[in-house]
Protein backbone atom coordinates (compact mmCIF):
# COMPACT_ATOMS: atom_id res chain seq x y z
CA MET A 1 17.59 2.84 16.08
CA THR A 2 18.91 1.88 12.66
CA ARG A 3 18.98 -1.62 11.24
CA SER A 4 20.59 -3.49 8.40
CA GLY A 5 19.20 -6.16 6.13
CA PHE A 6 16.09 -6.17 4.00
CA TYR A 7 12.51 -6.47 5.13
CA ILE A 8 10.52 -8.72 2.80
CA VAL A 9 6.87 -9.59 3.42
CA PRO A 10 5.69 -13.18 3.02
CA THR A 11 4.77 -14.24 -0.52
CA ASP A 12 3.96 -17.89 0.20
CA ARG A 13 0.18 -17.22 0.02
CA TRP A 14 -2.27 -14.52 -1.05
CA TYR A 15 -3.56 -12.84 2.11
CA ILE A 16 -5.90 -9.82 2.06
CA GLU A 17 -3.24 -7.14 2.51
CA ARG A 18 -1.06 -8.52 -0.28
CA ALA A 19 -4.03 -8.73 -2.66
CA VAL A 20 -5.02 -5.14 -1.74
CA TRP A 21 -1.50 -3.96 -2.68
CA LEU A 22 -1.85 -5.71 -6.04
CA ILE A 23 -5.29 -4.24 -6.75
CA ALA A 24 -4.24 -0.75 -5.60
CA GLY A 25 -1.16 -0.89 -7.83
CA LEU A 26 -3.34 -1.79 -10.82
CA VAL A 27 -5.79 1.02 -10.00
CA LEU A 28 -2.93 3.53 -9.80
CA LEU A 29 -1.37 2.44 -13.08
CA VAL A 30 -4.64 2.25 -15.04
CA SER A 31 -6.02 5.54 -13.63
CA THR A 32 -2.75 7.35 -14.31
CA LEU A 33 -2.52 5.97 -17.84
CA LEU A 34 -6.12 6.99 -18.57
CA ALA A 35 -5.52 10.45 -17.05
CA VAL A 36 -2.52 11.02 -19.31
CA THR A 37 -4.00 9.58 -22.50
CA LEU A 38 -7.78 10.24 -22.35
CA SER A 39 -8.80 12.78 -19.71
CA PRO A 40 -7.08 14.32 -16.68
CA LEU A 41 -10.23 13.56 -14.70
CA PHE A 42 -9.21 9.90 -14.50
CA ILE A 43 -6.63 11.00 -11.91
CA PHE A 44 -9.54 11.02 -9.47
CA GLY A 45 -9.19 7.21 -9.43
CA VAL A 46 -5.74 7.72 -7.91
CA ILE A 47 -7.08 10.31 -5.47
CA ALA A 48 -9.84 7.89 -4.41
CA ALA A 49 -7.26 5.12 -3.85
CA GLY A 50 -5.14 7.55 -1.80
CA LEU A 51 -8.05 8.61 0.38
CA VAL A 52 -9.09 4.99 0.97
CA SER A 53 -5.49 4.19 1.97
CA VAL A 54 -5.37 7.08 4.47
CA ASN A 55 -8.78 6.07 5.84
CA GLU A 56 -7.59 2.49 6.28
CA ALA A 57 -4.50 3.65 8.16
CA PHE A 58 -6.59 5.66 10.64
CA THR A 59 -9.80 3.61 10.99
CA GLY A 60 -8.66 0.17 9.86
CA PHE A 61 -11.63 -0.24 7.49
CA CYS A 62 -10.88 -1.30 3.90
CA PRO A 63 -13.71 -1.79 1.38
CA ILE A 64 -11.53 -3.89 -0.96
CA GLY A 65 -10.34 -5.94 2.03
CA THR A 66 -13.97 -6.57 2.94
CA LEU A 67 -14.73 -7.78 -0.59
CA LEU A 68 -11.67 -10.06 -0.54
CA LYS A 69 -12.68 -11.39 2.89
CA ARG A 70 -16.11 -12.29 1.50
CA LEU A 71 -14.36 -14.07 -1.39
CA GLY A 72 -12.50 -16.26 1.13
CA PHE A 73 -9.16 -14.49 1.58
CA LYS A 74 -7.66 -14.40 5.09
CA GLY A 75 -6.09 -11.30 6.59
CA ALA A 76 -2.57 -11.30 7.98
CA LEU A 77 -3.02 -7.96 9.80
CA GLU A 78 -6.76 -8.16 10.41
CA ARG A 79 -8.35 -7.16 13.73
CA PRO A 80 -9.39 -10.34 15.58
CA GLN A 81 -13.07 -9.32 16.02
CA GLY A 82 -13.67 -7.79 12.58
CA GLY A 83 -16.93 -9.62 11.91
CA SER A 84 -17.95 -9.72 8.26
CA LEU A 85 -16.05 -6.50 7.49
CA TYR A 86 -12.29 -6.25 7.11
CA PHE A 87 -10.51 -4.01 9.61
CA LEU A 88 -6.73 -3.59 9.78
CA GLN A 89 -5.23 -3.71 13.27
CA THR A 90 -4.96 -0.15 14.59
CA ASP A 91 -3.55 -0.70 18.08
CA SER A 92 -0.15 0.86 17.21
CA TRP A 93 1.68 2.57 14.33
CA TYR A 94 3.53 -0.50 13.06
CA LEU A 95 5.46 -0.49 9.77
CA GLU A 96 2.75 -1.79 7.43
CA ARG A 97 0.18 0.69 8.79
CA ARG A 98 2.63 3.55 8.20
CA ILE A 99 2.91 2.43 4.57
CA TYR A 100 -0.84 2.93 4.07
CA VAL A 101 -0.82 6.51 5.38
CA THR A 102 2.43 7.50 3.62
CA VAL A 103 1.36 6.12 0.25
CA GLY A 104 -2.15 7.56 0.56
CA VAL A 105 -0.98 11.08 1.36
CA ASN A 106 1.74 11.10 -1.29
CA ILE A 107 -0.32 9.79 -4.21
CA THR A 108 -3.12 12.19 -3.34
CA LEU A 109 -0.70 15.14 -3.29
CA GLY A 110 0.97 13.95 -6.52
CA SER A 111 -2.43 13.72 -8.20
CA ILE A 112 -3.43 17.21 -7.10
CA LEU A 113 -0.13 18.52 -8.46
CA PHE A 114 -0.86 16.67 -11.73
CA LEU A 115 -4.16 18.54 -12.03
CA ALA A 116 -2.96 21.94 -10.81
CA HIS A 117 0.64 22.19 -11.94
CA SER A 118 2.02 19.80 -14.54
CA PRO A 119 1.18 16.51 -16.27
CA TRP A 120 4.70 15.39 -15.39
CA TRP A 121 3.42 14.71 -11.88
CA ALA A 122 1.66 11.65 -13.35
CA LEU A 123 5.04 9.92 -13.15
CA PHE A 124 4.76 9.80 -9.37
CA PRO A 125 1.51 7.79 -9.01
CA ALA A 126 2.65 5.61 -11.93
CA PHE A 127 5.91 4.86 -10.07
CA VAL A 128 4.01 4.12 -6.84
CA GLY A 129 1.59 1.85 -8.74
CA ALA A 130 4.48 -0.09 -10.28
CA ALA A 131 6.17 -0.28 -6.86
CA MET A 132 2.97 -1.69 -5.33
CA LEU A 133 2.76 -4.37 -8.03
CA TRP A 134 6.42 -5.21 -7.34
CA PHE A 135 5.69 -5.30 -3.58
CA ALA A 136 2.72 -7.65 -4.03
CA SER A 137 4.64 -9.99 -6.34
CA THR A 138 8.07 -10.10 -4.66
CA GLY A 139 7.45 -8.97 -1.08
CA PHE A 140 10.07 -6.22 -1.40
CA CYS A 141 9.08 -2.58 -0.93
CA ILE A 142 11.45 0.39 -0.96
CA LEU A 143 9.28 2.38 1.48
CA ALA A 144 8.89 -0.60 3.83
CA ASN A 145 12.66 -1.00 3.96
CA ILE A 146 13.27 2.69 4.63
CA LEU A 147 10.74 2.57 7.47
CA TYR A 148 12.33 -0.65 8.75
CA TRP A 149 15.85 0.80 8.63
CA ILE A 150 14.78 3.86 10.66
CA GLY A 151 13.15 1.71 13.34
CA ALA A 152 9.50 1.00 12.44
CA GLU A 153 8.41 -2.38 13.77
CA PRO A 154 6.94 -4.78 11.17
CA ARG A 155 4.06 -7.13 11.94
CA LEU A 156 4.15 -9.35 8.86
CA ARG A 157 6.37 -12.17 10.01
CA PRO A 158 9.43 -10.25 11.24
CA GLN A 159 11.50 -13.43 10.89
CA SER A 160 11.36 -12.87 7.13
CA LEU A 161 14.22 -10.41 7.39
CA VAL A 162 17.06 -11.10 5.00
CA ARG A 163 20.46 -10.03 6.28
CA ARG A 164 23.04 -8.56 3.95
CA ALA A 165 26.29 -10.43 3.63
CA ALA A 166 28.91 -8.93 5.96
């Protein structure tokens, strides 16, 4: 099933998932910059962010989400009975959950290629970091729209779909 239009997540408030995208984008950009300018070992900050993202996609647990929850943020995709810890809903492979696993795997692989093959691979996690900052600030994500267009079902307010002019 293919779709048209653009999928844009809500930006009317700062919920846990949106704040996590902002923080992760900053971690990716800062770690990549430090890896290129000071020491390649800083790329392990990107690898750590990637592994946390993959873990969140499979288990639902997010340490940054838990910290944000304790600071008073509310989750838009949080499991109803999460207790004091933040857990993403994991009942199906909806669009936003697929973003976590796709981004996590790709930035981890890009970082390994940075270490093993060429410093030019630093461009990939830097691009993803910038895209995550853009996603958090505007609600628009290239990956989210590709997944939406090929049929992934979004959970963050599906009525926020913007149709292209015919």
